[in-house]
N, C-alpha and C. Protein backbone atom coordinates (compact mmCIF):
# COMPACT_ATOMS: atom_id res chain seq x y z
N UNK A 1 14.14 -7.06 -10.76
CA UNK A 1 13.23 -8.02 -10.16
C UNK A 1 12.14 -7.28 -9.40
N UNK A 2 10.94 -7.78 -9.51
CA UNK A 2 9.80 -7.20 -8.82
C UNK A 2 9.96 -7.36 -7.31
N UNK A 3 9.61 -6.32 -6.58
CA UNK A 3 9.55 -6.36 -5.12
C UNK A 3 8.18 -5.82 -4.71
N UNK A 4 7.72 -6.26 -3.54
CA UNK A 4 6.46 -5.76 -2.98
C UNK A 4 6.80 -4.94 -1.75
N UNK A 5 6.26 -3.74 -1.69
CA UNK A 5 6.44 -2.84 -0.55
C UNK A 5 5.09 -2.66 0.14
N UNK A 6 5.07 -2.85 1.45
CA UNK A 6 3.83 -2.69 2.21
C UNK A 6 4.00 -1.55 3.21
N UNK A 7 3.14 -0.56 3.09
CA UNK A 7 3.04 0.52 4.06
C UNK A 7 2.29 -0.10 5.24
N UNK A 8 3.04 -0.58 6.23
CA UNK A 8 2.50 -1.53 7.20
C UNK A 8 1.74 -0.93 8.37
N UNK A 9 1.88 0.34 8.63
CA UNK A 9 1.14 0.92 9.76
C UNK A 9 -0.35 0.82 9.46
N UNK A 10 -1.08 0.15 10.32
CA UNK A 10 -2.53 -0.04 10.19
C UNK A 10 -2.92 -0.82 8.93
N UNK A 11 -2.04 -1.66 8.44
CA UNK A 11 -2.34 -2.46 7.24
C UNK A 11 -2.96 -3.79 7.65
N UNK A 12 -4.19 -4.07 7.20
CA UNK A 12 -4.85 -5.32 7.61
C UNK A 12 -4.51 -6.52 6.72
N UNK A 13 -3.64 -6.35 5.72
CA UNK A 13 -3.40 -7.45 4.77
C UNK A 13 -1.92 -7.84 4.67
N UNK A 14 -1.17 -7.66 5.74
CA UNK A 14 0.26 -8.02 5.71
C UNK A 14 0.43 -9.51 5.46
N UNK A 15 -0.34 -10.35 6.12
CA UNK A 15 -0.22 -11.80 5.96
C UNK A 15 -0.55 -12.22 4.53
N UNK A 16 -1.54 -11.60 3.94
CA UNK A 16 -1.92 -11.93 2.56
C UNK A 16 -0.82 -11.52 1.58
N UNK A 17 -0.22 -10.36 1.81
CA UNK A 17 0.88 -9.92 0.96
C UNK A 17 2.06 -10.89 1.08
N UNK A 18 2.32 -11.36 2.28
CA UNK A 18 3.39 -12.33 2.48
C UNK A 18 3.10 -13.63 1.74
N UNK A 19 1.86 -14.08 1.76
CA UNK A 19 1.49 -15.30 1.03
C UNK A 19 1.76 -15.17 -0.46
N UNK A 20 1.35 -14.04 -1.04
CA UNK A 20 1.55 -13.82 -2.48
C UNK A 20 3.05 -13.71 -2.79
N UNK A 21 3.79 -12.97 -1.97
CA UNK A 21 5.24 -12.84 -2.19
C UNK A 21 5.92 -14.21 -2.11
N UNK A 22 5.52 -15.02 -1.17
CA UNK A 22 6.11 -16.36 -1.03
C UNK A 22 5.80 -17.23 -2.23
N UNK A 23 4.56 -17.16 -2.70
CA UNK A 23 4.16 -17.98 -3.85
C UNK A 23 4.98 -17.63 -5.09
N UNK A 24 5.30 -16.34 -5.25
CA UNK A 24 6.07 -15.89 -6.41
C UNK A 24 7.56 -15.75 -6.14
N UNK A 25 7.96 -16.05 -4.89
CA UNK A 25 9.36 -15.94 -4.47
C UNK A 25 9.92 -14.53 -4.71
N UNK A 26 9.16 -13.54 -4.23
CA UNK A 26 9.53 -12.14 -4.39
C UNK A 26 9.92 -11.54 -3.05
N UNK A 27 10.86 -10.60 -3.04
CA UNK A 27 11.15 -9.89 -1.80
C UNK A 27 9.97 -9.02 -1.38
N UNK A 28 9.72 -9.01 -0.09
CA UNK A 28 8.62 -8.23 0.49
C UNK A 28 9.19 -7.35 1.58
N UNK A 29 8.94 -6.06 1.48
CA UNK A 29 9.41 -5.10 2.48
C UNK A 29 8.21 -4.61 3.27
N UNK A 30 8.20 -4.91 4.55
CA UNK A 30 7.14 -4.47 5.47
C UNK A 30 7.70 -3.24 6.19
N UNK A 31 7.20 -2.06 5.86
CA UNK A 31 7.79 -0.81 6.34
C UNK A 31 6.87 -0.13 7.36
N UNK A 32 7.43 0.15 8.53
CA UNK A 32 6.66 0.84 9.57
C UNK A 32 7.61 1.58 10.50
N UNK A 33 7.05 2.28 11.46
CA UNK A 33 7.90 2.94 12.45
C UNK A 33 7.94 2.15 13.76
N UNK A 34 7.66 0.86 13.69
CA UNK A 34 7.83 -0.02 14.84
C UNK A 34 6.56 -0.70 15.27
N UNK A 35 6.71 -1.57 16.26
CA UNK A 35 5.56 -2.24 16.82
C UNK A 35 5.09 -3.48 16.08
N UNK A 36 5.88 -3.96 15.11
CA UNK A 36 5.48 -5.15 14.36
C UNK A 36 6.40 -6.31 14.70
N UNK A 37 5.83 -7.48 14.74
CA UNK A 37 6.62 -8.69 14.95
C UNK A 37 7.24 -9.09 13.61
N UNK A 38 8.57 -9.22 13.55
CA UNK A 38 9.21 -9.60 12.28
C UNK A 38 8.79 -11.01 11.84
N UNK A 39 8.69 -11.19 10.56
CA UNK A 39 8.37 -12.49 9.99
C UNK A 39 9.62 -13.36 9.97
N UNK A 40 9.43 -14.67 10.07
CA UNK A 40 10.54 -15.60 9.96
C UNK A 40 10.82 -15.97 8.51
N UNK A 41 9.97 -15.53 7.61
CA UNK A 41 10.11 -15.82 6.19
C UNK A 41 11.36 -15.11 5.65
N UNK A 42 12.27 -15.83 5.01
CA UNK A 42 13.50 -15.19 4.52
C UNK A 42 13.26 -14.18 3.38
N UNK A 43 12.09 -14.22 2.74
CA UNK A 43 11.78 -13.26 1.69
C UNK A 43 11.28 -11.93 2.24
N UNK A 44 10.94 -11.92 3.53
CA UNK A 44 10.34 -10.73 4.14
C UNK A 44 11.39 -9.95 4.94
N UNK A 45 11.51 -8.68 4.60
CA UNK A 45 12.38 -7.79 5.37
C UNK A 45 11.51 -6.78 6.09
N UNK A 46 11.58 -6.77 7.41
CA UNK A 46 10.85 -5.80 8.20
C UNK A 46 11.74 -4.57 8.33
N UNK A 47 11.27 -3.45 7.84
CA UNK A 47 12.03 -2.20 7.85
C UNK A 47 11.40 -1.28 8.88
N UNK A 48 12.17 -0.94 9.91
CA UNK A 48 11.70 -0.02 10.94
C UNK A 48 12.37 1.33 10.68
N UNK A 49 11.56 2.33 10.40
CA UNK A 49 12.07 3.67 10.12
C UNK A 49 11.92 4.53 11.38
N UNK A 50 12.67 5.62 11.47
CA UNK A 50 12.53 6.51 12.63
C UNK A 50 11.13 7.12 12.70
N UNK A 51 10.75 7.51 13.93
CA UNK A 51 9.48 8.21 14.10
C UNK A 51 9.53 9.53 13.34
N UNK A 52 8.38 9.93 12.88
CA UNK A 52 8.30 11.21 12.18
C UNK A 52 7.22 11.13 11.12
N UNK A 53 6.69 12.28 10.74
CA UNK A 53 5.63 12.28 9.75
C UNK A 53 6.13 11.78 8.39
N UNK A 54 5.44 10.79 7.87
CA UNK A 54 5.67 10.28 6.52
C UNK A 54 7.05 9.67 6.27
N UNK A 55 7.76 9.28 7.31
CA UNK A 55 9.09 8.69 7.12
C UNK A 55 8.99 7.34 6.41
N UNK A 56 8.02 6.51 6.80
CA UNK A 56 7.83 5.22 6.12
C UNK A 56 7.42 5.46 4.67
N UNK A 57 6.56 6.42 4.44
CA UNK A 57 6.13 6.74 3.08
C UNK A 57 7.31 7.16 2.21
N UNK A 58 8.17 8.00 2.76
CA UNK A 58 9.34 8.47 2.00
C UNK A 58 10.28 7.30 1.69
N UNK A 59 10.45 6.38 2.65
CA UNK A 59 11.32 5.22 2.43
C UNK A 59 10.81 4.40 1.25
N UNK A 60 9.51 4.17 1.21
CA UNK A 60 8.91 3.40 0.12
C UNK A 60 9.01 4.17 -1.19
N UNK A 61 8.63 5.44 -1.19
CA UNK A 61 8.62 6.24 -2.41
C UNK A 61 10.02 6.36 -3.01
N UNK A 62 11.05 6.39 -2.17
CA UNK A 62 12.43 6.49 -2.67
C UNK A 62 12.91 5.21 -3.35
N UNK A 63 12.25 4.08 -3.10
CA UNK A 63 12.73 2.80 -3.60
C UNK A 63 11.82 2.15 -4.65
N UNK A 64 10.54 2.34 -4.54
CA UNK A 64 9.60 1.66 -5.44
C UNK A 64 9.63 2.31 -6.82
N UNK A 65 9.62 1.47 -7.83
CA UNK A 65 9.63 1.98 -9.19
C UNK A 65 9.02 0.98 -10.15
N UNK A 66 9.30 1.15 -11.41
CA UNK A 66 8.74 0.29 -12.46
C UNK A 66 9.03 -1.18 -12.14
N UNK A 67 8.00 -1.98 -12.23
CA UNK A 67 8.12 -3.41 -11.95
C UNK A 67 7.84 -3.79 -10.51
N UNK A 68 7.67 -2.80 -9.63
CA UNK A 68 7.38 -3.07 -8.22
C UNK A 68 5.89 -2.89 -7.94
N UNK A 69 5.47 -3.44 -6.80
CA UNK A 69 4.08 -3.31 -6.35
C UNK A 69 4.09 -2.71 -4.95
N UNK A 70 3.23 -1.72 -4.72
CA UNK A 70 3.13 -1.06 -3.43
C UNK A 70 1.72 -1.27 -2.88
N UNK A 71 1.66 -1.67 -1.61
CA UNK A 71 0.38 -1.85 -0.91
C UNK A 71 0.25 -0.71 0.08
N UNK A 72 -0.75 0.15 -0.13
CA UNK A 72 -0.93 1.29 0.77
C UNK A 72 -2.35 1.84 0.67
N UNK A 73 -2.78 2.45 1.73
CA UNK A 73 -4.03 3.19 1.73
C UNK A 73 -3.75 4.68 1.76
N UNK A 74 -2.47 5.06 1.76
CA UNK A 74 -2.06 6.45 1.82
C UNK A 74 -2.05 7.02 0.40
N UNK A 75 -2.97 7.90 0.10
CA UNK A 75 -3.15 8.38 -1.27
C UNK A 75 -1.97 9.23 -1.76
N UNK A 76 -1.41 10.15 -0.95
CA UNK A 76 -0.23 10.88 -1.44
C UNK A 76 0.95 9.95 -1.74
N UNK A 77 1.17 8.93 -0.90
CA UNK A 77 2.23 7.95 -1.19
C UNK A 77 1.91 7.21 -2.48
N UNK A 78 0.66 6.81 -2.65
CA UNK A 78 0.26 6.11 -3.87
C UNK A 78 0.54 6.96 -5.10
N UNK A 79 0.24 8.25 -5.03
CA UNK A 79 0.47 9.14 -6.16
C UNK A 79 1.95 9.20 -6.53
N UNK A 80 2.82 9.27 -5.52
CA UNK A 80 4.27 9.29 -5.78
C UNK A 80 4.72 7.98 -6.43
N UNK A 81 4.21 6.88 -5.93
CA UNK A 81 4.62 5.57 -6.45
C UNK A 81 4.11 5.35 -7.88
N UNK A 82 2.88 5.76 -8.14
CA UNK A 82 2.32 5.66 -9.50
C UNK A 82 3.17 6.51 -10.45
N UNK A 83 3.55 7.71 -10.01
CA UNK A 83 4.37 8.59 -10.85
C UNK A 83 5.73 7.97 -11.16
N UNK A 84 6.25 7.15 -10.25
CA UNK A 84 7.56 6.52 -10.49
C UNK A 84 7.44 5.21 -11.27
N UNK A 85 6.21 4.84 -11.63
CA UNK A 85 6.02 3.65 -12.45
C UNK A 85 5.65 2.39 -11.70
N UNK A 86 5.54 2.46 -10.38
CA UNK A 86 5.15 1.28 -9.60
C UNK A 86 3.64 1.04 -9.75
N UNK A 87 3.25 -0.18 -9.52
CA UNK A 87 1.83 -0.53 -9.47
C UNK A 87 1.40 -0.42 -8.01
N UNK A 88 0.20 0.13 -7.78
CA UNK A 88 -0.25 0.39 -6.41
C UNK A 88 -1.62 -0.21 -6.19
N UNK A 89 -1.78 -0.84 -5.02
CA UNK A 89 -3.06 -1.43 -4.65
C UNK A 89 -3.40 -1.05 -3.21
N UNK A 90 -4.67 -0.70 -3.00
CA UNK A 90 -5.15 -0.41 -1.65
C UNK A 90 -5.49 -1.73 -0.95
N UNK A 91 -5.71 -1.66 0.34
CA UNK A 91 -5.99 -2.85 1.15
C UNK A 91 -7.27 -3.57 0.74
N UNK A 92 -8.18 -2.84 0.12
CA UNK A 92 -9.45 -3.45 -0.29
C UNK A 92 -9.41 -3.99 -1.72
N UNK A 93 -8.23 -3.97 -2.34
CA UNK A 93 -8.08 -4.51 -3.68
C UNK A 93 -8.22 -3.49 -4.80
N UNK A 94 -8.50 -2.24 -4.47
CA UNK A 94 -8.65 -1.20 -5.49
C UNK A 94 -7.28 -0.82 -6.04
N UNK A 95 -7.13 -0.88 -7.36
CA UNK A 95 -5.90 -0.48 -8.01
C UNK A 95 -5.87 1.03 -8.16
N UNK A 96 -4.72 1.63 -7.88
CA UNK A 96 -4.52 3.05 -8.07
C UNK A 96 -3.56 3.20 -9.25
N UNK A 97 -4.02 3.91 -10.28
CA UNK A 97 -3.29 3.98 -11.54
C UNK A 97 -3.16 5.42 -12.01
N UNK A 98 -2.42 5.61 -13.10
CA UNK A 98 -2.31 6.94 -13.72
C UNK A 98 -3.69 7.47 -14.06
N UNK A 99 -4.59 6.57 -14.45
CA UNK A 99 -5.92 6.98 -14.90
C UNK A 99 -6.83 7.47 -13.77
N UNK A 100 -6.62 6.98 -12.54
CA UNK A 100 -7.55 7.35 -11.48
C UNK A 100 -6.93 8.09 -10.30
N UNK A 101 -5.61 8.14 -10.20
CA UNK A 101 -4.99 8.70 -8.99
C UNK A 101 -5.27 10.20 -8.83
N UNK A 102 -5.36 10.94 -9.92
CA UNK A 102 -5.65 12.38 -9.81
C UNK A 102 -7.00 12.64 -9.17
N UNK A 103 -8.03 11.93 -9.62
CA UNK A 103 -9.37 12.10 -9.05
C UNK A 103 -9.41 11.65 -7.59
N UNK A 104 -8.74 10.56 -7.28
CA UNK A 104 -8.74 10.05 -5.91
C UNK A 104 -8.02 11.02 -4.98
N UNK A 105 -6.92 11.58 -5.43
CA UNK A 105 -6.18 12.56 -4.63
C UNK A 105 -7.01 13.82 -4.42
N UNK A 106 -7.69 14.29 -5.46
CA UNK A 106 -8.54 15.48 -5.34
C UNK A 106 -9.70 15.23 -4.38
N UNK A 107 -10.32 14.05 -4.46
CA UNK A 107 -11.42 13.71 -3.56
C UNK A 107 -10.94 13.64 -2.12
N UNK A 108 -9.75 13.07 -1.91
CA UNK A 108 -9.18 12.99 -0.56
C UNK A 108 -9.00 14.39 0.01
N UNK A 109 -8.44 15.29 -0.80
CA UNK A 109 -8.21 16.66 -0.33
C UNK A 109 -9.53 17.38 -0.04
N UNK A 110 -10.52 17.19 -0.90
CA UNK A 110 -11.83 17.80 -0.70
C UNK A 110 -12.46 17.31 0.60
N UNK A 111 -12.40 16.00 0.84
CA UNK A 111 -13.00 15.43 2.05
C UNK A 111 -12.26 15.93 3.30
N UNK A 112 -10.96 16.11 3.22
CA UNK A 112 -10.20 16.65 4.35
C UNK A 112 -10.67 18.08 4.66
N UNK A 113 -10.90 18.87 3.61
CA UNK A 113 -11.40 20.23 3.81
C UNK A 113 -12.79 20.23 4.43
N UNK A 114 -13.65 19.33 3.99
CA UNK A 114 -15.02 19.24 4.53
C UNK A 114 -14.98 18.85 6.01
N UNK A 115 -14.13 17.86 6.34
CA UNK A 115 -14.02 17.44 7.74
C UNK A 115 -13.47 18.56 8.61
N UNK A 116 -12.52 19.33 8.08
CA UNK A 116 -11.94 20.43 8.84
C UNK A 116 -12.96 21.54 9.09
N UNK A 117 -13.86 21.73 8.14
CA UNK A 117 -14.87 22.78 8.27
C UNK A 117 -16.00 22.40 9.22
N UNK A 118 -16.23 21.12 9.40
CA UNK A 118 -17.33 20.65 10.25
C UNK A 118 -16.80 19.56 11.19
N UNK A 119 -16.36 19.95 12.39
CA UNK A 119 -15.75 18.97 13.30
C UNK A 119 -16.71 17.85 13.72
N UNK A 120 -18.00 18.03 13.50
CA UNK A 120 -18.96 16.98 13.86
C UNK A 120 -19.13 15.95 12.75
N UNK A 121 -18.57 16.26 11.59
CA UNK A 121 -18.67 15.36 10.43
C UNK A 121 -17.42 14.47 10.38
N UNK A 122 -17.33 13.58 11.31
CA UNK A 122 -16.21 12.65 11.36
C UNK A 122 -16.78 11.25 11.16
N UNK A 123 -16.08 10.46 10.41
CA UNK A 123 -16.57 9.11 10.19
C UNK A 123 -15.43 8.20 9.85
N UNK A 124 -15.56 6.96 10.25
CA UNK A 124 -14.49 6.00 10.00
C UNK A 124 -14.74 5.14 8.78
N UNK A 125 -15.87 5.31 8.13
CA UNK A 125 -16.17 4.45 6.97
C UNK A 125 -16.63 3.08 7.43
N UNK A 126 -16.72 2.18 6.47
CA UNK A 126 -17.21 0.85 6.81
C UNK A 126 -16.05 -0.04 7.26
N UNK A 127 -16.39 -1.11 7.94
CA UNK A 127 -15.39 -2.04 8.46
C UNK A 127 -14.76 -2.84 7.32
N UNK A 128 -13.52 -3.28 7.54
CA UNK A 128 -12.82 -4.12 6.59
C UNK A 128 -13.47 -5.50 6.60
N UNK A 129 -13.80 -6.04 5.42
CA UNK A 129 -14.58 -7.28 5.36
C UNK A 129 -13.80 -8.42 4.70
N UNK A 130 -14.39 -9.61 4.78
CA UNK A 130 -13.80 -10.77 4.12
C UNK A 130 -13.76 -10.57 2.61
N UNK A 131 -14.77 -9.92 2.06
CA UNK A 131 -14.78 -9.68 0.62
C UNK A 131 -13.68 -8.68 0.23
N UNK A 132 -13.37 -7.70 1.11
CA UNK A 132 -12.25 -6.78 0.85
C UNK A 132 -10.94 -7.57 0.80
N UNK A 133 -10.78 -8.48 1.75
CA UNK A 133 -9.58 -9.31 1.82
C UNK A 133 -9.44 -10.16 0.57
N UNK A 134 -10.54 -10.74 0.13
CA UNK A 134 -10.55 -11.57 -1.07
C UNK A 134 -10.21 -10.75 -2.32
N UNK A 135 -10.81 -9.54 -2.43
CA UNK A 135 -10.51 -8.66 -3.56
C UNK A 135 -9.05 -8.24 -3.55
N UNK A 136 -8.51 -8.01 -2.35
CA UNK A 136 -7.10 -7.65 -2.24
C UNK A 136 -6.22 -8.78 -2.77
N UNK A 137 -6.47 -10.00 -2.31
CA UNK A 137 -5.65 -11.13 -2.75
C UNK A 137 -5.70 -11.30 -4.27
N UNK A 138 -6.89 -11.21 -4.82
CA UNK A 138 -7.05 -11.34 -6.27
C UNK A 138 -6.33 -10.21 -7.01
N UNK A 139 -6.50 -8.99 -6.52
CA UNK A 139 -5.86 -7.84 -7.15
C UNK A 139 -4.35 -7.87 -7.04
N UNK A 140 -3.83 -8.26 -5.88
CA UNK A 140 -2.38 -8.33 -5.70
C UNK A 140 -1.79 -9.40 -6.61
N UNK A 141 -2.45 -10.53 -6.71
CA UNK A 141 -1.98 -11.60 -7.60
C UNK A 141 -1.91 -11.09 -9.04
N UNK A 142 -2.94 -10.40 -9.49
CA UNK A 142 -2.96 -9.84 -10.84
C UNK A 142 -1.82 -8.83 -11.04
N UNK A 143 -1.63 -7.96 -10.04
CA UNK A 143 -0.59 -6.94 -10.16
C UNK A 143 0.80 -7.53 -10.19
N UNK A 144 1.04 -8.54 -9.37
CA UNK A 144 2.36 -9.15 -9.33
C UNK A 144 2.68 -9.79 -10.69
N UNK A 145 1.69 -10.45 -11.27
CA UNK A 145 1.91 -11.05 -12.59
C UNK A 145 2.18 -9.99 -13.65
N UNK A 146 1.43 -8.90 -13.61
CA UNK A 146 1.62 -7.82 -14.58
C UNK A 146 2.97 -7.13 -14.36
N UNK A 147 3.35 -6.92 -13.11
CA UNK A 147 4.64 -6.27 -12.81
C UNK A 147 5.80 -7.11 -13.28
N UNK A 148 5.67 -8.43 -13.17
CA UNK A 148 6.74 -9.32 -13.62
C UNK A 148 6.92 -9.23 -15.14
N UNK A 149 5.85 -8.87 -15.83
CA UNK A 149 5.91 -8.75 -17.29
C UNK A 149 6.46 -7.40 -17.73
N UNK A 150 6.56 -6.43 -16.79
CA UNK A 150 7.08 -5.09 -17.13
C UNK A 150 8.53 -5.17 -17.59
C-alpha cells in the first residue's frame, strides 16, 4: 500500500499533504525531531526521531520504497528515496526523478562550494508562494495516483 512520508522540519505543506492523504485514505508519516503538534487525523502518524544530523532523513530513507511518495526539500534524502524506487516531490511541486536527481544533486553540491568560498554570497532564495502551494497540491495528487498504479 502506498504511504506518504513528509520530511517535516521546515516543511510548509504539511496540511496539504494531510489533505491529499485523507482524500486517498493513505497513511501519512510526518517525521521530525520534535516541535510539531500531532494531528488528530487517524491516518497521520507523527514520528519524533532523536536529535542528530539527518536522523529524520535516515528514518524516511530506511522505509520509503516503490509505491511510496516522499515530500522533501532535502536533495541527498531525495536521491536515496529515488534510488529505492519511491516517488519524490519538493515543497514547490517539483518532481525529483531518476532523470533529474543527478543534475540537481550536482548543482546543490556546486552551490554549497560557491557559498563556502564566498561568505558574503548568502541568499535565501525567493519566498514560498500561493502558486508553489498550488503546484505542490497538483503534483502530489498526480504522484499519489501514479504510485497507487505501481
